[in-house]
Amino acid sequence: MPARREIAKLEDYIGRQIIGQDRFVQRLLIALLCDGHVLAEGAPGLAKTRAVKVLGEAVEGDFHRLQFTPDLLPADLTGTEVFRPQEANFQFQPGPLFHNLILADEVNRAPAKVQSALLEAMAERQITVGSVTYPLPRLFLVMATQNPIEQEGTYPLPEAQLDRFLIQVRVDYPGPEDEQAIMRLARKEASLEGERAGAEPIQVSQDAIFAARQEVLGLHLADALERYIVTLIHATRAPHVYGDDLAGAIQYGASPRASIALDRGARAHAWLSGRDYVSPQDIQELAADVLRHRLILSFEAEADGLSTDDVVTRLVERVPVP
């Protein structure tokens, strides 16, 4: 299949540029195949920015990086109307959100009005300036990053906005061998004066991406596995059914949007694995990434040292697999 070959080339190309982060690269491709957005959390220097930039270079379209700061204004994202004296009228000047791939760096450093503008773009694929609404490109992906270490001067993301991210990925440190390979790649790129090293440049068309999305949607998902997805999501709303240690652990469970995200994500995971059907392992593999940012734990659970990943892991272990 042409679409599968093109995405395989894309995965290989990004993997050569982003060393030691195979899982992160795979999740980025899953979001691309699911027409969703990614929230990446990790310490500085783990190639989060580089990953989206490399993806933007390899995909037909344009890439834009936005550094979120406390003094950012909504117009800095959406664009604004500029007065043209020659025509004696106002003309809309599109902002950075009208690009295909957006990196929202340190997204939690921007105030509420900016988050609201970003939420409309993510949720509705449109921008409203004044009384006029402008559609965004058909290929539109936001990857937002958060720094888990430095929290001074940050604004917690609203739950409604968190729910709009298809997945939240934890980006961890590479292993020693991978880090040595990263050093070598950095030296090679420095000698090439900043040019990419390690792979010939590629350009995957948007048509190939849209065709791949249709193939992902066409994968076989058994009725029993559909019920398994729904049961997992419902377990976040009634965790006491699956153990006394989980009773009262979750204050608010996941919304039906989580069921849709887990369905789409499991399909994309199976498709990237070269299968034309979804297995229970595909669902379990994506469960934590889909749910960790959608659950609100109770004060008691946090006091006991439980994390959302702990709760999701216990639910996945205890919900019966069909």
C-alpha atoms as a PDB file:
ATOM      1  CA  MET A   1       0.000   0.000   0.000  1.00  0.00           C
ATOM      2  CA  PRO A   2       1.489   3.351  -1.014  1.00  0.00           C
ATOM      3  CA  ALA A   3       0.280   5.137   2.124  1.00  0.00           C
ATOM      4  CA  ARG A   4       1.825   2.523   4.423  1.00  0.00           C
ATOM      5  CA  ARG A   5       5.151   2.737   2.565  1.00  0.00           C
ATOM      6  CA  GLU A   6       5.168   6.530   2.832  1.00  0.00           C
ATOM      7  CA  ILE A   7       4.464   6.507   6.573  1.00  0.00           C
ATOM      8  CA  ALA A   8       7.083   3.779   7.092  1.00  0.00           C
ATOM      9  CA  LYS A   9       9.622   6.019   5.315  1.00  0.00           C
ATOM     10  CA  LEU A  10       8.560   8.903   7.552  1.00  0.00           C
ATOM     11  CA  GLU A  11       8.945   6.815  10.719  1.00  0.00           C
ATOM     12  CA  ASP A  12      12.387   5.633   9.633  1.00  0.00           C
ATOM     13  CA  TYR A  13      13.498   9.166   8.740  1.00  0.00           C
ATOM     14  CA  ILE A  14      12.411  10.654  12.071  1.00  0.00           C
ATOM     15  CA  GLY A  15      13.917   7.705  13.946  1.00  0.00           C
ATOM     16  CA  ARG A  16      17.314   8.449  12.395  1.00  0.00           C
ATOM     17  CA  GLN A  17      17.134  12.056  13.564  1.00  0.00           C
ATOM     18  CA  ILE A  18      15.594  11.477  17.007  1.00  0.00           C
ATOM     19  CA  ILE A  19      17.753   8.842  18.670  1.00  0.00           C
ATOM     20  CA  GLY A  20      16.629   6.938  21.750  1.00  0.00           C
ATOM     21  CA  GLN A  21      13.029   8.184  21.646  1.00  0.00           C
ATOM     22  CA  ASP A  22      11.317   5.489  19.547  1.00  0.00           C
ATOM     23  CA  ARG A  23       8.217   5.476  21.712  1.00  0.00           C
ATOM     24  CA  PHE A  24       7.854   9.257  21.514  1.00  0.00           C
ATOM     25  CA  VAL A  25       8.300   9.194  17.713  1.00  0.00           C
ATOM     26  CA  GLN A  26       5.670   6.466  17.432  1.00  0.00           C
ATOM     27  CA  ARG A  27       3.201   8.462  19.544  1.00  0.00           C
ATOM     28  CA  LEU A  28       3.793  11.519  17.366  1.00  0.00           C
ATOM     29  CA  LEU A  29       2.939   9.472  14.274  1.00  0.00           C
ATOM     30  CA  ILE A  30      -0.122   8.021  16.002  1.00  0.00           C
ATOM     31  CA  ALA A  31      -1.395  11.560  16.619  1.00  0.00           C
ATOM     32  CA  LEU A  32      -0.729  12.438  12.969  1.00  0.00           C
ATOM     33  CA  LEU A  33      -2.654   9.350  11.803  1.00  0.00           C
ATOM     34  CA  CYS A  34      -5.525  10.054  14.221  1.00  0.00           C
ATOM     35  CA  ASP A  35      -5.829  13.750  13.343  1.00  0.00           C
ATOM     36  CA  GLY A  36      -5.161  14.547  16.990  1.00  0.00           C
ATOM     37  CA  HIS A  37      -2.884  16.677  19.154  1.00  0.00           C
ATOM     38  CA  VAL A  38      -0.023  15.718  21.486  1.00  0.00           C
ATOM     39  CA  LEU A  39       0.950  17.000  24.919  1.00  0.00           C
ATOM     40  CA  ALA A  40       4.587  16.075  25.606  1.00  0.00           C
ATOM     41  CA  GLU A  41       6.061  16.326  29.079  1.00  0.00           C
ATOM     42  CA  GLY A  42       9.742  15.952  29.787  1.00  0.00           C
ATOM     43  CA  ALA A  43      12.857  17.682  31.002  1.00  0.00           C
ATOM     44  CA  PRO A  44      14.612  20.163  28.712  1.00  0.00           C
ATOM     45  CA  GLY A  45      16.973  18.761  26.083  1.00  0.00           C
ATOM     46  CA  LEU A  46      15.088  15.549  25.261  1.00  0.00           C
ATOM     47  CA  ALA A  47      14.446  16.426  21.578  1.00  0.00           C
ATOM     48  CA  LYS A  48      10.778  17.364  21.924  1.00  0.00           C
ATOM     49  CA  THR A  49      11.205  20.499  19.811  1.00  0.00           C
ATOM     50  CA  ARG A  50      13.515  18.739  17.384  1.00  0.00           C
ATOM     51  CA  ALA A  51      11.018  15.910  16.832  1.00  0.00           C
ATOM     52  CA  VAL A  52       8.239  18.213  15.627  1.00  0.00           C
ATOM     53  CA  LYS A  53      10.680  20.252  13.557  1.00  0.00           C
ATOM     54  CA  VAL A  54      11.966  17.104  11.821  1.00  0.00           C
ATOM     55  CA  LEU A  55       8.369  15.979  11.251  1.00  0.00           C
ATOM     56  CA  GLY A  56       7.567  19.388   9.753  1.00  0.00           C
ATOM     57  CA  GLU A  57      10.543  19.122   7.383  1.00  0.00           C
ATOM     58  CA  ALA A  58       9.518  15.643   6.208  1.00  0.00           C
ATOM     59  CA  VAL A  59       5.805  16.348   5.657  1.00  0.00           C
ATOM     60  CA  GLU A  60       4.340  18.493   2.904  1.00  0.00           C
ATOM     61  CA  GLY A  61       3.216  21.657   4.676  1.00  0.00           C
ATOM     62  CA  ASP A  62       4.720  24.238   6.982  1.00  0.00           C
ATOM     63  CA  PHE A  63       5.930  24.223  10.572  1.00  0.00           C
ATOM     64  CA  HIS A  64       5.902  27.007  13.155  1.00  0.00           C
ATOM     65  CA  ARG A  65       7.271  27.130  16.687  1.00  0.00           C
ATOM     66  CA  LEU A  66       5.518  29.264  19.305  1.00  0.00           C
ATOM     67  CA  GLN A  67       7.290  30.073  22.553  1.00  0.00           C
ATOM     68  CA  PHE A  68       4.557  30.599  25.138  1.00  0.00           C
ATOM     69  CA  THR A  69       5.269  33.349  27.671  1.00  0.00           C
ATOM     70  CA  PRO A  70       3.161  35.149  30.313  1.00  0.00           C
ATOM     71  CA  ASP A  71       2.941  38.310  28.167  1.00  0.00           C
ATOM     72  CA  LEU A  72       1.652  36.506  25.069  1.00  0.00           C
ATOM     73  CA  LEU A  73      -1.607  37.855  23.591  1.00  0.00           C
ATOM     74  CA  PRO A  74      -4.325  35.927  21.696  1.00  0.00           C
ATOM     75  CA  ALA A  75      -3.578  37.991  18.564  1.00  0.00           C
ATOM     76  CA  ASP A  76      -0.006  36.685  18.674  1.00  0.00           C
ATOM     77  CA  LEU A  77      -1.494  33.274  17.835  1.00  0.00           C
ATOM     78  CA  THR A  78      -4.572  34.016  15.768  1.00  0.00           C
ATOM     79  CA  GLY A  79      -3.454  37.061  13.812  1.00  0.00           C
ATOM     80  CA  THR A  80      -5.116  40.448  13.677  1.00  0.00           C
ATOM     81  CA  GLU A  81      -6.724  42.970  11.365  1.00  0.00           C
ATOM     82  CA  VAL A  82      -4.251  45.466   9.927  1.00  0.00           C
ATOM     83  CA  PHE A  83      -5.317  48.831   8.515  1.00  0.00           C
ATOM     84  CA  ARG A  84      -4.295  49.332   4.866  1.00  0.00           C
ATOM     85  CA  PRO A  85      -4.186  53.073   4.122  1.00  0.00           C
ATOM     86  CA  GLN A  86      -4.025  52.466   0.361  1.00  0.00           C
ATOM     87  CA  GLU A  87      -7.382  50.678   0.370  1.00  0.00           C
ATOM     88  CA  ALA A  88      -8.693  52.569   3.413  1.00  0.00           C
ATOM     89  CA  ASN A  89      -9.856  49.326   5.053  1.00  0.00           C
ATOM     90  CA  PHE A  90      -8.782  46.600   7.460  1.00  0.00           C
ATOM     91  CA  GLN A  91      -7.266  43.373   6.179  1.00  0.00           C
ATOM     92  CA  PHE A  92      -6.816  40.209   8.214  1.00  0.00           C
ATOM     93  CA  GLN A  93      -3.211  39.127   8.698  1.00  0.00           C
ATOM     94  CA  PRO A  94      -3.164  35.383   9.624  1.00  0.00           C
ATOM     95  CA  GLY A  95      -1.157  34.389  12.699  1.00  0.00           C
ATOM     96  CA  PRO A  96       1.062  31.378  13.410  1.00  0.00           C
ATOM     97  CA  LEU A  97      -1.886  29.039  14.046  1.00  0.00           C
ATOM     98  CA  PHE A  98      -2.595  28.954  10.323  1.00  0.00           C
ATOM     99  CA  HIS A  99       0.425  26.681   9.764  1.00  0.00           C
ATOM    100  CA  ASN A 100       0.066  22.897   9.442  1.00  0.00           C
ATOM    101  CA  LEU A 101       2.316  21.788  12.319  1.00  0.00           C
ATOM    102  CA  ILE A 102       2.479  23.881  15.482  1.00  0.00           C
ATOM    103  CA  LEU A 103       4.898  23.479  18.355  1.00  0.00           C
ATOM    104  CA  ALA A 104       3.469  25.198  21.438  1.00  0.00           C
ATOM    105  CA  ASP A 105       6.595  25.283  23.589  1.00  0.00           C
ATOM    106  CA  GLU A 106       5.975  25.489  27.367  1.00  0.00           C
ATOM    107  CA  VAL A 107       2.264  25.856  26.732  1.00  0.00           C
ATOM    108  CA  ASN A 108       1.440  26.247  30.431  1.00  0.00           C
ATOM    109  CA  ARG A 109       3.279  29.583  30.632  1.00  0.00           C
ATOM    110  CA  ALA A 110       0.562  31.498  28.737  1.00  0.00           C
ATOM    111  CA  PRO A 111      -2.461  33.118  30.454  1.00  0.00           C
ATOM    112  CA  ALA A 112      -6.104  32.075  30.121  1.00  0.00           C
ATOM    113  CA  LYS A 113      -7.045  34.218  27.099  1.00  0.00           C
ATOM    114  CA  VAL A 114      -4.225  32.721  25.044  1.00  0.00           C
ATOM    115  CA  GLN A 115      -5.224  29.208  26.130  1.00  0.00           C
ATOM    116  CA  SER A 116      -8.774  29.994  25.029  1.00  0.00           C
ATOM    117  CA  ALA A 117      -7.589  30.972  21.537  1.00  0.00           C
ATOM    118  CA  LEU A 118      -5.531  27.792  21.298  1.00  0.00           C
ATOM    119  CA  LEU A 119      -8.472  25.705  22.529  1.00  0.00           C
ATOM    120  CA  GLU A 120     -10.733  26.972  19.725  1.00  0.00           C
ATOM    121  CA  ALA A 121      -8.069  26.105  17.162  1.00  0.00           C
ATOM    122  CA  MET A 122      -7.576  22.608  18.585  1.00  0.00           C
ATOM    123  CA  ALA A 123     -11.240  21.828  19.126  1.00  0.00           C
ATOM    124  CA  GLU A 124     -12.981  23.495  16.208  1.00  0.00           C
ATOM    125  CA  ARG A 125     -10.160  23.790  13.656  1.00  0.00           C
ATOM    126  CA  GLN A 126     -11.003  27.438  13.222  1.00  0.00           C
ATOM    127  CA  ILE A 127     -10.040  30.900  14.443  1.00  0.00           C
ATOM    128  CA  THR A 128     -12.476  33.686  15.299  1.00  0.00           C
ATOM    129  CA  VAL A 129     -11.276  37.284  15.086  1.00  0.00           C
ATOM    130  CA  GLY A 130     -13.975  39.833  15.825  1.00  0.00           C
ATOM    131  CA  SER A 131     -17.131  38.592  14.111  1.00  0.00           C
ATOM    132  CA  VAL A 132     -15.365  36.607  11.383  1.00  0.00           C
ATOM    133  CA  THR A 133     -14.393  32.929  11.602  1.00  0.00           C
ATOM    134  CA  TYR A 134     -11.494  31.570   9.535  1.00  0.00           C
ATOM    135  CA  PRO A 135     -10.964  27.839   8.905  1.00  0.00           C
ATOM    136  CA  LEU A 136      -7.577  26.296   9.636  1.00  0.00           C
ATOM    137  CA  PRO A 137      -5.712  23.953   7.244  1.00  0.00           C
ATOM    138  CA  ARG A 138      -7.051  20.439   6.831  1.00  0.00           C
ATOM    139  CA  LEU A 139      -3.717  19.066   8.062  1.00  0.00           C
ATOM    140  CA  PHE A 140      -3.352  20.669  11.485  1.00  0.00           C
ATOM    141  CA  LEU A 141      -1.447  19.225  14.427  1.00  0.00           C
ATOM    142  CA  VAL A 142      -0.483  20.887  17.702  1.00  0.00           C
ATOM    143  CA  MET A 143       2.271  19.434  19.839  1.00  0.00           C
ATOM    144  CA  ALA A 144       2.471  21.244  23.147  1.00  0.00           C
ATOM    145  CA  THR A 145       5.291  20.775  25.632  1.00  0.00           C
ATOM    146  CA  GLN A 146       5.427  21.109  29.402  1.00  0.00           C
ATOM    147  CA  ASN A 147       8.458  21.179  31.663  1.00  0.00           C
ATOM    148  CA  PRO A 148       7.699  19.007  34.732  1.00  0.00           C
ATOM    149  CA  ILE A 149      10.574  20.503  36.742  1.00  0.00           C
ATOM    150  CA  GLU A 150      10.183  24.276  36.699  1.00  0.00           C
ATOM    151  CA  GLN A 151       6.653  25.297  37.738  1.00  0.00           C
ATOM    152  CA  GLU A 152       7.239  28.919  38.770  1.00  0.00           C
ATOM    153  CA  GLY A 153       5.290  31.324  36.570  1.00  0.00           C
ATOM    154  CA  THR A 154       3.065  28.657  35.011  1.00  0.00           C
ATOM    155  CA  TYR A 155      -0.716  28.447  34.592  1.00  0.00           C
ATOM    156  CA  PRO A 156      -2.398  25.044  34.962  1.00  0.00           C
ATOM    157  CA  LEU A 157      -4.058  24.022  31.703  1.00  0.00           C
ATOM    158  CA  PRO A 158      -7.875  23.957  31.865  1.00  0.00           C
ATOM    159  CA  GLU A 159      -9.435  20.477  31.951  1.00  0.00           C
ATOM    160  CA  ALA A 160     -11.385  21.267  28.762  1.00  0.00           C
ATOM    161  CA  GLN A 161      -8.143  21.966  26.940  1.00  0.00           C
ATOM    162  CA  LEU A 162      -6.372  18.906  28.329  1.00  0.00           C
ATOM    163  CA  ASP A 163      -9.259  16.780  27.084  1.00  0.00           C
ATOM    164  CA  ARG A 164      -8.605  18.030  23.549  1.00  0.00           C
ATOM    165  CA  PHE A 165      -5.174  16.419  23.441  1.00  0.00           C
ATOM    166  CA  LEU A 166      -5.408  12.950  21.950  1.00  0.00           C
ATOM    167  CA  ILE A 167      -2.506  11.727  24.088  1.00  0.00           C
ATOM    168  CA  GLN A 168      -0.065  12.943  26.718  1.00  0.00           C
ATOM    169  CA  VAL A 169       3.410  11.466  26.323  1.00  0.00           C
ATOM    170  CA  ARG A 170       6.077  11.296  29.017  1.00  0.00           C
ATOM    171  CA  VAL A 171       9.470  11.784  27.352  1.00  0.00           C
ATOM    172  CA  ASP A 172      12.259  10.118  29.318  1.00  0.00           C
ATOM    173  CA  TYR A 173      16.055  10.213  29.167  1.00  0.00           C
ATOM    174  CA  PRO A 174      17.825   8.098  26.512  1.00  0.00           C
ATOM    175  CA  GLY A 175      20.093   5.205  27.465  1.00  0.00           C
ATOM    176  CA  PRO A 176      23.905   5.507  27.528  1.00  0.00           C
ATOM    177  CA  GLU A 177      24.414   3.970  24.061  1.00  0.00           C
ATOM    178  CA  ASP A 178      21.724   6.170  22.529  1.00  0.00           C
ATOM    179  CA  GLU A 179      23.217   9.233  24.194  1.00  0.00           C
ATOM    180  CA  GLN A 180      26.602   8.407  22.684  1.00  0.00           C
ATOM    181  CA  ALA A 181      24.934   8.167  19.254  1.00  0.00           C
ATOM    182  CA  ILE A 182      23.266  11.536  19.889  1.00  0.00           C
ATOM    183  CA  MET A 183      26.673  13.108  20.574  1.00  0.00           C
ATOM    184  CA  ARG A 184      28.029  11.727  17.302  1.00  0.00           C
ATOM    185  CA  LEU A 185      25.005  12.957  15.358  1.00  0.00           C
ATOM    186  CA  ALA A 186      25.358  16.433  16.887  1.00  0.00           C
ATOM    187  CA  ARG A 187      29.047  16.569  15.912  1.00  0.00           C
ATOM    188  CA  LYS A 188      28.236  15.478  12.372  1.00  0.00           C
ATOM    189  CA  GLU A 189      25.517  18.110  12.009  1.00  0.00           C
ATOM    190  CA  ALA A 190      27.868  20.770  13.411  1.00  0.00           C
ATOM    191  CA  SER A 191      30.426  19.881  10.748  1.00  0.00           C
ATOM    192  CA  LEU A 192      27.673  20.201   8.124  1.00  0.00           C
ATOM    193  CA  GLU A 193      26.805  23.661   9.511  1.00  0.00           C
ATOM    194  CA  GLY A 194      23.402  22.694  10.883  1.00  0.00           C
ATOM    195  CA  GLU A 195      22.200  20.458   8.044  1.00  0.00           C
ATOM    196  CA  ARG A 196      20.431  17.215   8.923  1.00  0.00           C
ATOM    197  CA  ALA A 197      22.655  14.164   9.074  1.00  0.00           C
ATOM    198  CA  GLY A 198      21.957  10.455   8.935  1.00  0.00           C
ATOM    199  CA  ALA A 199      19.267  10.247   6.256  1.00  0.00           C
ATOM    200  CA  GLU A 200      18.344  11.602   2.849  1.00  0.00           C
ATOM    201  CA  PRO A 201      15.616  14.277   3.014  1.00  0.00           C
ATOM    202  CA  ILE A 202      12.103  13.063   2.239  1.00  0.00           C
ATOM    203  CA  GLN A 203       8.776  14.769   1.595  1.00  0.00           C
ATOM    204  CA  VAL A 204       5.589  12.853   2.466  1.00  0.00           C
ATOM    205  CA  SER A 205       2.549  14.323   0.736  1.00  0.00           C
ATOM    206  CA  GLN A 206      -0.569  15.345   2.604  1.00  0.00           C
ATOM    207  CA  ASP A 207      -2.568  13.049   0.317  1.00  0.00           C
ATOM    208  CA  ALA A 208      -0.545  10.093   1.617  1.00  0.00           C
ATOM    209  CA  ILE A 209      -1.318  11.117   5.209  1.00  0.00           C
ATOM    210  CA  PHE A 210      -5.047  11.458   4.492  1.00  0.00           C
ATOM    211  CA  ALA A 211      -5.040   8.062   2.717  1.00  0.00           C
ATOM    212  CA  ALA A 212      -3.269   6.501   5.723  1.00  0.00           C
ATOM    213  CA  ARG A 213      -5.906   7.964   8.047  1.00  0.00           C
ATOM    214  CA  GLN A 214      -8.646   6.266   6.037  1.00  0.00           C
ATOM    215  CA  GLU A 215      -6.795   2.948   6.215  1.00  0.00           C
ATOM    216  CA  VAL A 216      -6.464   3.343  10.000  1.00  0.00           C
ATOM    217  CA  LEU A 217     -10.207   3.950  10.319  1.00  0.00           C
ATOM    218  CA  GLY A 218     -10.875   0.846   8.197  1.00  0.00           C
ATOM    219  CA  LEU A 219      -8.990  -1.556  10.490  1.00  0.00           C
ATOM    220  CA  HIS A 220     -11.027  -4.384  11.975  1.00  0.00           C
ATOM    221  CA  LEU A 221     -11.996  -3.895  15.617  1.00  0.00           C
ATOM    222  CA  ALA A 222     -14.032  -6.726  17.113  1.00  0.00           C
ATOM    223  CA  ASP A 223     -17.238  -5.865  18.993  1.00  0.00           C
ATOM    224  CA  ALA A 224     -15.791  -7.461  22.116  1.00  0.00           C
ATOM    225  CA  LEU A 225     -12.809  -5.088  21.974  1.00  0.00           C
ATOM    226  CA  GLU A 226     -15.107  -2.112  21.475  1.00  0.00           C
ATOM    227  CA  ARG A 227     -16.836  -3.119  24.710  1.00  0.00           C
ATOM    228  CA  TYR A 228     -13.409  -3.566  26.326  1.00  0.00           C
ATOM    229  CA  ILE A 229     -12.518   0.051  25.474  1.00  0.00           C
ATOM    230  CA  VAL A 230     -15.795   1.325  26.875  1.00  0.00           C
ATOM    231  CA  THR A 231     -15.383  -0.813  30.013  1.00  0.00           C
ATOM    232  CA  LEU A 232     -11.905   0.622  30.605  1.00  0.00           C
ATOM    233  CA  ILE A 233     -13.195   4.174  30.315  1.00  0.00           C
ATOM    234  CA  HIS A 234     -16.189   3.453  32.545  1.00  0.00           C
ATOM    235  CA  ALA A 235     -13.798   1.948  35.104  1.00  0.00           C
ATOM    236  CA  THR A 236     -12.306   5.441  35.585  1.00  0.00           C
ATOM    237  CA  ARG A 237     -15.783   6.619  36.655  1.00  0.00           C
ATOM    238  CA  ALA A 238     -16.420   3.715  39.044  1.00  0.00           C
ATOM    239  CA  PRO A 239     -12.953   2.577  40.161  1.00  0.00           C
ATOM    240  CA  HIS A 240     -14.301   1.092  43.427  1.00  0.00           C
ATOM    241  CA  VAL A 241     -15.671  -1.828  41.399  1.00  0.00           C
ATOM    242  CA  TYR A 242     -12.090  -2.914  40.689  1.00  0.00           C
ATOM    243  CA  GLY A 243     -10.653  -2.807  44.183  1.00  0.00           C
ATOM    244  CA  ASP A 244     -11.037  -1.189  47.576  1.00  0.00           C
ATOM    245  CA  ASP A 245      -7.654   0.487  47.102  1.00  0.00           C
ATOM    246  CA  LEU A 246      -9.145   2.433  44.168  1.00  0.00           C
ATOM    247  CA  ALA A 247     -12.352   3.459  45.953  1.00  0.00           C
ATOM    248  CA  GLY A 248     -12.465   7.249  46.009  1.00  0.00           C
ATOM    249  CA  ALA A 249      -9.144   7.536  44.147  1.00  0.00           C
ATOM    250  CA  ILE A 250     -10.601   9.346  41.123  1.00  0.00           C
ATOM    251  CA  GLN A 251     -12.557  12.542  41.595  1.00  0.00           C
ATOM    252  CA  TYR A 252     -13.496  12.886  37.908  1.00  0.00           C
ATOM    253  CA  GLY A 253     -13.197  10.091  35.353  1.00  0.00           C
ATOM    254  CA  ALA A 254     -12.580  10.262  31.628  1.00  0.00           C
ATOM    255  CA  SER A 255     -15.155  11.624  29.172  1.00  0.00           C
ATOM    256  CA  PRO A 256     -16.486   9.827  26.068  1.00  0.00           C
ATOM    257  CA  ARG A 257     -13.792  11.702  24.150  1.00  0.00           C
ATOM    258  CA  ALA A 258     -11.346   9.319  25.839  1.00  0.00           C
ATOM    259  CA  SER A 259     -13.191   6.333  24.350  1.00  0.00           C
ATOM    260  CA  ILE A 260     -12.886   7.874  20.893  1.00  0.00           C
ATOM    261  CA  ALA A 261      -9.189   8.646  21.446  1.00  0.00           C
ATOM    262  CA  LEU A 262      -8.427   5.116  22.676  1.00  0.00           C
ATOM    263  CA  ASP A 263     -10.296   3.608  19.717  1.00  0.00           C
ATOM    264  CA  ARG A 264      -8.429   5.760  17.181  1.00  0.00           C
ATOM    265  CA  GLY A 265      -5.074   5.417  18.938  1.00  0.00           C
ATOM    266  CA  ALA A 266      -5.296   1.616  19.183  1.00  0.00           C
ATOM    267  CA  ARG A 267      -6.156   1.418  15.473  1.00  0.00           C
ATOM    268  CA  ALA A 268      -3.165   3.600  14.554  1.00  0.00           C
ATOM    269  CA  HIS A 269      -0.872   1.534  16.804  1.00  0.00           C
ATOM    270  CA  ALA A 270      -2.013  -1.671  15.100  1.00  0.00           C
ATOM    271  CA  TRP A 271      -1.632  -0.108  11.642  1.00  0.00           C
ATOM    272  CA  LEU A 272       1.923   1.050  12.386  1.00  0.00           C
ATOM    273  CA  SER A 273       2.674  -2.487  13.568  1.00  0.00           C
ATOM    274  CA  GLY A 274       1.668  -3.782  10.131  1.00  0.00           C
ATOM    275  CA  ARG A 275      -1.588  -5.452  11.152  1.00  0.00           C
ATOM    276  CA  ASP A 276      -5.093  -5.012   9.727  1.00  0.00           C
ATOM    277  CA  TYR A 277      -6.826  -5.749  13.044  1.00  0.00           C
ATOM    278  CA  VAL A 278      -6.724  -4.362  16.585  1.00  0.00           C
ATOM    279  CA  SER A 279      -5.596  -6.551  19.476  1.00  0.00           C
ATOM    280  CA  PRO A 280      -6.112  -6.054  23.250  1.00  0.00           C
ATOM    281  CA  GLN A 281      -2.392  -5.212  23.503  1.00  0.00           C
ATOM    282  CA  ASP A 282      -2.882  -2.205  21.207  1.00  0.00           C
ATOM    283  CA  ILE A 283      -5.549  -0.869  23.558  1.00  0.00           C
ATOM    284  CA  GLN A 284      -3.487  -1.524  26.685  1.00  0.00           C
ATOM    285  CA  GLU A 285      -0.396   0.068  25.114  1.00  0.00           C
ATOM    286  CA  LEU A 286      -2.247   3.370  24.543  1.00  0.00           C
ATOM    287  CA  ALA A 287      -4.356   3.408  27.726  1.00  0.00           C
ATOM    288  CA  ALA A 288      -1.946   5.420  29.894  1.00  0.00           C
ATOM    289  CA  ASP A 289      -1.181   7.995  27.175  1.00  0.00           C
ATOM    290  CA  VAL A 290      -4.888   8.526  26.509  1.00  0.00           C
ATOM    291  CA  LEU A 291      -5.984   8.690  30.150  1.00  0.00           C
ATOM    292  CA  ARG A 292      -3.191  10.234  32.254  1.00  0.00           C
ATOM    293  CA  HIS A 293      -4.194  13.838  31.459  1.00  0.00           C
ATOM    294  CA  ARG A 294      -7.935  13.186  31.584  1.00  0.00           C
ATOM    295  CA  LEU A 295      -8.217  11.868  35.139  1.00  0.00           C
ATOM    296  CA  ILE A 296      -8.485  14.095  38.192  1.00  0.00           C
ATOM    297  CA  LEU A 297      -7.386  12.239  41.299  1.00  0.00           C
ATOM    298  CA  SER A 298      -8.880  12.865  44.713  1.00  0.00           C
ATOM    299  CA  PHE A 299      -6.918  14.613  47.434  1.00  0.00           C
ATOM    300  CA  GLU A 300      -6.723  11.327  49.352  1.00  0.00           C
ATOM    301  CA  ALA A 301      -5.154   9.521  46.382  1.00  0.00           C
ATOM    302  CA  GLU A 302      -2.549  12.241  45.928  1.00  0.00           C
ATOM    303  CA  ALA A 303      -1.812  12.199  49.660  1.00  0.00           C
ATOM    304  CA  ASP A 304      -1.219   8.446  49.390  1.00  0.00           C
ATOM    305  CA  GLY A 305       1.329   9.097  46.643  1.00  0.00           C
ATOM    306  CA  LEU A 306      -0.787   7.666  43.818  1.00  0.00           C
ATOM    307  CA  SER A 307      -0.289   9.046  40.308  1.00  0.00           C
ATOM    308  CA  THR A 308      -2.681   8.827  37.374  1.00  0.00           C
ATOM    309  CA  ASP A 309      -0.317   6.285  35.788  1.00  0.00           C
ATOM    310  CA  ASP A 310      -0.569   4.108  38.910  1.00  0.00           C
ATOM    311  CA  VAL A 311      -4.356   4.180  38.762  1.00  0.00           C
ATOM    312  CA  VAL A 312      -4.490   3.444  35.020  1.00  0.00           C
ATOM    313  CA  THR A 313      -2.029   0.547  35.422  1.00  0.00           C
ATOM    314  CA  ARG A 314      -4.193  -1.038  38.136  1.00  0.00           C
ATOM    315  CA  LEU A 315      -7.356  -0.635  36.066  1.00  0.00           C
ATOM    316  CA  VAL A 316      -5.720  -2.181  32.991  1.00  0.00           C
ATOM    317  CA  GLU A 317      -4.557  -5.117  35.117  1.00  0.00           C
ATOM    318  CA  ARG A 318      -8.006  -5.672  36.654  1.00  0.00           C
ATOM    319  CA  VAL A 319     -10.493  -4.996  33.854  1.00  0.00           C
ATOM    320  CA  PRO A 320     -11.123  -8.424  32.234  1.00  0.00           C
ATOM    321  CA  VAL A 321      -9.743  -8.840  28.694  1.00  0.00           C
ATOM    322  CA  PRO A 322     -12.265 -10.397  26.294  1.00  0.00           C
END
